[in-house]
C-alpha atoms as a PDB file:
ATOM      1  CA  MET A   1     122.116 102.249 127.353  1.00  0.00           C
ATOM      2  CA  SER A   2     118.236 102.659 128.351  1.00  0.00           C
ATOM      3  CA  HIS A   3     115.030 100.978 127.906  1.00  0.00           C
ATOM      4  CA  ALA A   4     113.000 103.516 128.069  1.00  0.00           C
ATOM      5  CA  PRO A   5     112.937 104.204 123.728  1.00  0.00           C
ATOM      6  CA  TYR A   6     112.441 100.923 123.294  1.00  0.00           C
ATOM      7  CA  VAL A   7     109.386 101.034 125.873  1.00  0.00           C
ATOM      8  CA  VAL A   8     107.988 103.535 123.817  1.00  0.00           C
ATOM      9  CA  ALA A   9     108.236 102.245 120.299  1.00  0.00           C
ATOM     10  CA  ALA A  10     106.661  98.948 122.008  1.00  0.00           C
ATOM     11  CA  TRP A  11     103.943 101.068 123.620  1.00  0.00           C
ATOM     12  CA  LEU A  12     103.756 102.972 120.123  1.00  0.00           C
ATOM     13  CA  PHE A  13     103.010 100.043 118.112  1.00  0.00           C
ATOM     14  CA  LEU A  14     100.643  98.190 120.402  1.00  0.00           C
ATOM     15  CA  ALA A  15      98.587 100.991 120.588  1.00  0.00           C
ATOM     16  CA  GLY A  16      98.292 102.132 117.058  1.00  0.00           C
ATOM     17  CA  ILE A  17      97.815  98.367 115.743  1.00  0.00           C
ATOM     18  CA  TYR A  18      94.824  97.994 118.833  1.00  0.00           C
ATOM     19  CA  GLY A  19      93.225 101.426 116.957  1.00  0.00           C
ATOM     20  CA  VAL A  20      93.687  99.693 114.010  1.00  0.00           C
ATOM     21  CA  VAL A  21      91.886  96.714 114.367  1.00  0.00           C
ATOM     22  CA  THR A  22      89.056  98.574 116.647  1.00  0.00           C
ATOM     23  CA  SER A  23      88.627 101.140 114.000  1.00  0.00           C
ATOM     24  CA  ARG A  24      84.808 101.776 112.919  1.00  0.00           C
ATOM     25  CA  ASN A  25      86.157 105.111 110.289  1.00  0.00           C
ATOM     26  CA  MET A  26      88.603 105.565 108.371  1.00  0.00           C
ATOM     27  CA  ILE A  27      89.922 108.443 108.794  1.00  0.00           C
ATOM     28  CA  HIS A  28      90.890 106.664 112.810  1.00  0.00           C
ATOM     29  CA  LEU A  29      92.393 103.568 110.480  1.00  0.00           C
ATOM     30  CA  ALA A  30      94.764 106.843 108.292  1.00  0.00           C
ATOM     31  CA  VAL A  31      95.669 108.335 111.771  1.00  0.00           C
ATOM     32  CA  CYS A  32      96.558 104.896 114.015  1.00  0.00           C
ATOM     33  CA  MET A  33      98.760 103.381 110.832  1.00  0.00           C
ATOM     34  CA  ALA A  34     100.532 107.042 111.067  1.00  0.00           C
ATOM     35  CA  VAL A  35     100.893 106.234 114.654  1.00  0.00           C
ATOM     36  CA  THR A  36     102.484 102.710 114.649  1.00  0.00           C
ATOM     37  CA  GLN A  37     104.067 104.255 111.633  1.00  0.00           C
ATOM     38  CA  SER A  38     105.763 106.392 114.038  1.00  0.00           C
ATOM     39  CA  SER A  39     107.204 103.646 116.343  1.00  0.00           C
ATOM     40  CA  THR A  40     109.344 102.732 114.005  1.00  0.00           C
ATOM     41  CA  TYR A  41     111.159 106.503 113.892  1.00  0.00           C
ATOM     42  CA  VAL A  42     111.350 106.022 117.628  1.00  0.00           C
ATOM     43  CA  LEU A  43     113.237 102.094 117.265  1.00  0.00           C
ATOM     44  CA  LEU A  44     115.379 103.333 114.590  1.00  0.00           C
ATOM     45  CA  LEU A  45     116.962 106.370 116.193  1.00  0.00           C
ATOM     46  CA  ALA A  46     116.794 104.284 119.637  1.00  0.00           C
ATOM     47  CA  ILE A  47     119.070 102.183 118.045  1.00  0.00           C
ATOM     48  CA  GLY A  48     121.382 105.209 116.141  1.00  0.00           C
ATOM     49  CA  TYR A  49     122.122 106.730 119.204  1.00  0.00           C
ATOM     50  CA  VAL A  50     125.762 107.046 120.170  1.00  0.00           C
ATOM     51  CA  ASP A  51     126.122 108.625 122.997  1.00  0.00           C
ATOM     52  CA  GLY A  52     128.554 111.649 122.740  1.00  0.00           C
ATOM     53  CA  GLY A  53     128.409 111.057 118.824  1.00  0.00           C
ATOM     54  CA  THR A  54     128.705 113.665 116.905  1.00  0.00           C
ATOM     55  CA  ALA A  55     127.547 114.606 113.370  1.00  0.00           C
ATOM     56  CA  PRO A  56     129.101 112.156 110.355  1.00  0.00           C
ATOM     57  CA  ILE A  57     131.213 115.456 108.922  1.00  0.00           C
ATOM     58  CA  TYR A  58     134.705 113.643 109.260  1.00  0.00           C
ATOM     59  CA  ARG A  59     136.797 117.475 107.929  1.00  0.00           C
ATOM     60  CA  ASP A  60     137.421 118.754 111.104  1.00  0.00           C
ATOM     61  CA  ILE A  61     137.041 116.215 113.449  1.00  0.00           C
ATOM     62  CA  PRO A  62     140.116 114.094 115.128  1.00  0.00           C
ATOM     63  CA  VAL A  63     140.588 110.900 114.787  1.00  0.00           C
ATOM     64  CA  GLY A  64     138.729 108.298 117.073  1.00  0.00           C
ATOM     65  CA  THR A  65     136.078 110.472 117.777  1.00  0.00           C
ATOM     66  CA  LYS A  66     132.412 108.695 117.864  1.00  0.00           C
ATOM     67  CA  VAL A  67     130.183 109.905 115.169  1.00  0.00           C
ATOM     68  CA  VAL A  68     126.791 109.491 114.100  1.00  0.00           C
ATOM     69  CA  ASP A  69     126.072 106.264 111.597  1.00  0.00           C
ATOM     70  CA  PRO A  70     124.618 108.282 108.612  1.00  0.00           C
ATOM     71  CA  VAL A  71     122.452 105.506 107.722  1.00  0.00           C
ATOM     72  CA  VAL A  72     119.670 105.438 110.572  1.00  0.00           C
ATOM     73  CA  PRO A  73     118.910 109.381 109.922  1.00  0.00           C
ATOM     74  CA  ALA A  74     118.441 108.523 106.516  1.00  0.00           C
ATOM     75  CA  LEU A  75     116.622 105.001 106.766  1.00  0.00           C
ATOM     76  CA  VAL A  76     114.090 107.152 109.186  1.00  0.00           C
ATOM     77  CA  LEU A  77     113.534 109.824 105.964  1.00  0.00           C
ATOM     78  CA  THR A  78     112.544 107.042 103.983  1.00  0.00           C
ATOM     79  CA  ASP A  79     110.345 105.755 106.811  1.00  0.00           C
ATOM     80  CA  ILE A  80     108.192 109.252 107.084  1.00  0.00           C
ATOM     81  CA  VAL A  81     108.385 109.351 103.353  1.00  0.00           C
ATOM     82  CA  VAL A  82     106.607 106.062 103.130  1.00  0.00           C
ATOM     83  CA  SER A  83     104.243 106.501 106.149  1.00  0.00           C
ATOM     84  CA  VAL A  84     103.226 110.027 104.574  1.00  0.00           C
ATOM     85  CA  THR A  85     102.721 108.352 100.844  1.00  0.00           C
ATOM     86  CA  LEU A  86     100.997 105.645 102.690  1.00  0.00           C
ATOM     87  CA  THR A  87      98.354 107.770 104.723  1.00  0.00           C
ATOM     88  CA  ALA A  88      97.829 110.203 101.505  1.00  0.00           C
ATOM     89  CA  LEU A  89      96.441 106.642  99.997  1.00  0.00           C
ATOM     90  CA  VAL A  90      93.917 105.402 103.074  1.00  0.00           C
ATOM     91  CA  LEU A  91      93.048 109.256 102.857  1.00  0.00           C
ATOM     92  CA  THR A  92      92.874 109.491  99.618  1.00  0.00           C
ATOM     93  CA  LEU A  93      90.618 106.020  99.510  1.00  0.00           C
ATOM     94  CA  ALA A  94      88.383 106.884 102.072  1.00  0.00           C
ATOM     95  CA  SER A  95      87.559 109.983 100.179  1.00  0.00           C
ATOM     96  CA  ARG A  96      86.209 108.190  97.432  1.00  0.00           C
ATOM     97  CA  ALA A  97      84.847 105.658  99.352  1.00  0.00           C
ATOM     98  CA  HIS A  98      82.577 108.182 101.221  1.00  0.00           C
ATOM     99  CA  ALA A  99      81.817 110.255  97.681  1.00  0.00           C
ATOM    100  CA  SER A 100      80.635 106.735  96.185  1.00  0.00           C
ATOM    101  CA  LYS A 101      78.902 104.970  99.597  1.00  0.00           C
ATOM    102  CA  GLY A 102      78.546 107.814 101.757  1.00  0.00           C
ATOM    103  CA  THR A 103      79.745 105.813 104.766  1.00  0.00           C
ATOM    104  CA  MET A 104      83.680 105.567 106.239  1.00  0.00           C
ATOM    105  CA  ASP A 105      82.792 102.197 108.152  1.00  0.00           C
ATOM    106  CA  PRO A 106      85.313 100.043 106.335  1.00  0.00           C
ATOM    107  CA  ASP A 107      82.372  97.209 107.431  1.00  0.00           C
ATOM    108  CA  ALA A 108      79.734  98.742 105.774  1.00  0.00           C
ATOM    109  CA  LEU A 109      80.983  99.345 102.287  1.00  0.00           C
ATOM    110  CA  PRO A 110      80.695  96.474  99.781  1.00  0.00           C
ATOM    111  CA  GLU A 111      82.904  93.462  99.072  1.00  0.00           C
ATOM    112  CA  LEU A 112      85.002  93.743  95.846  1.00  0.00           C
ATOM    113  CA  LYS A 113      84.264  91.831  93.277  1.00  0.00           C
ATOM    114  CA  GLY A 114      86.631  90.648  90.279  1.00  0.00           C
END
């Protein structure tokens, strides 16, 4: 088994987190969060990969054939939905912040009171 997918996942995660920490623009923040989230896709697909495995459709394959676990692709699809929702939320907040305060810099926004 190759360690390359795990290295790629770690690199994407670290690059995304670095971007989130150093971001001075909310659009950049949303993109960096999406990059961080994409590291989980790579990790899940690396974990669920079966060398020589086929699709988990058991109707026409002989007994004992290696198949891919169907839970992993379902988790990746769920992860994609969560990522798109999170990106939409951050972009909406960025749009509202720009409309009301005229800035996209998170540090320039006033603190919440409440």
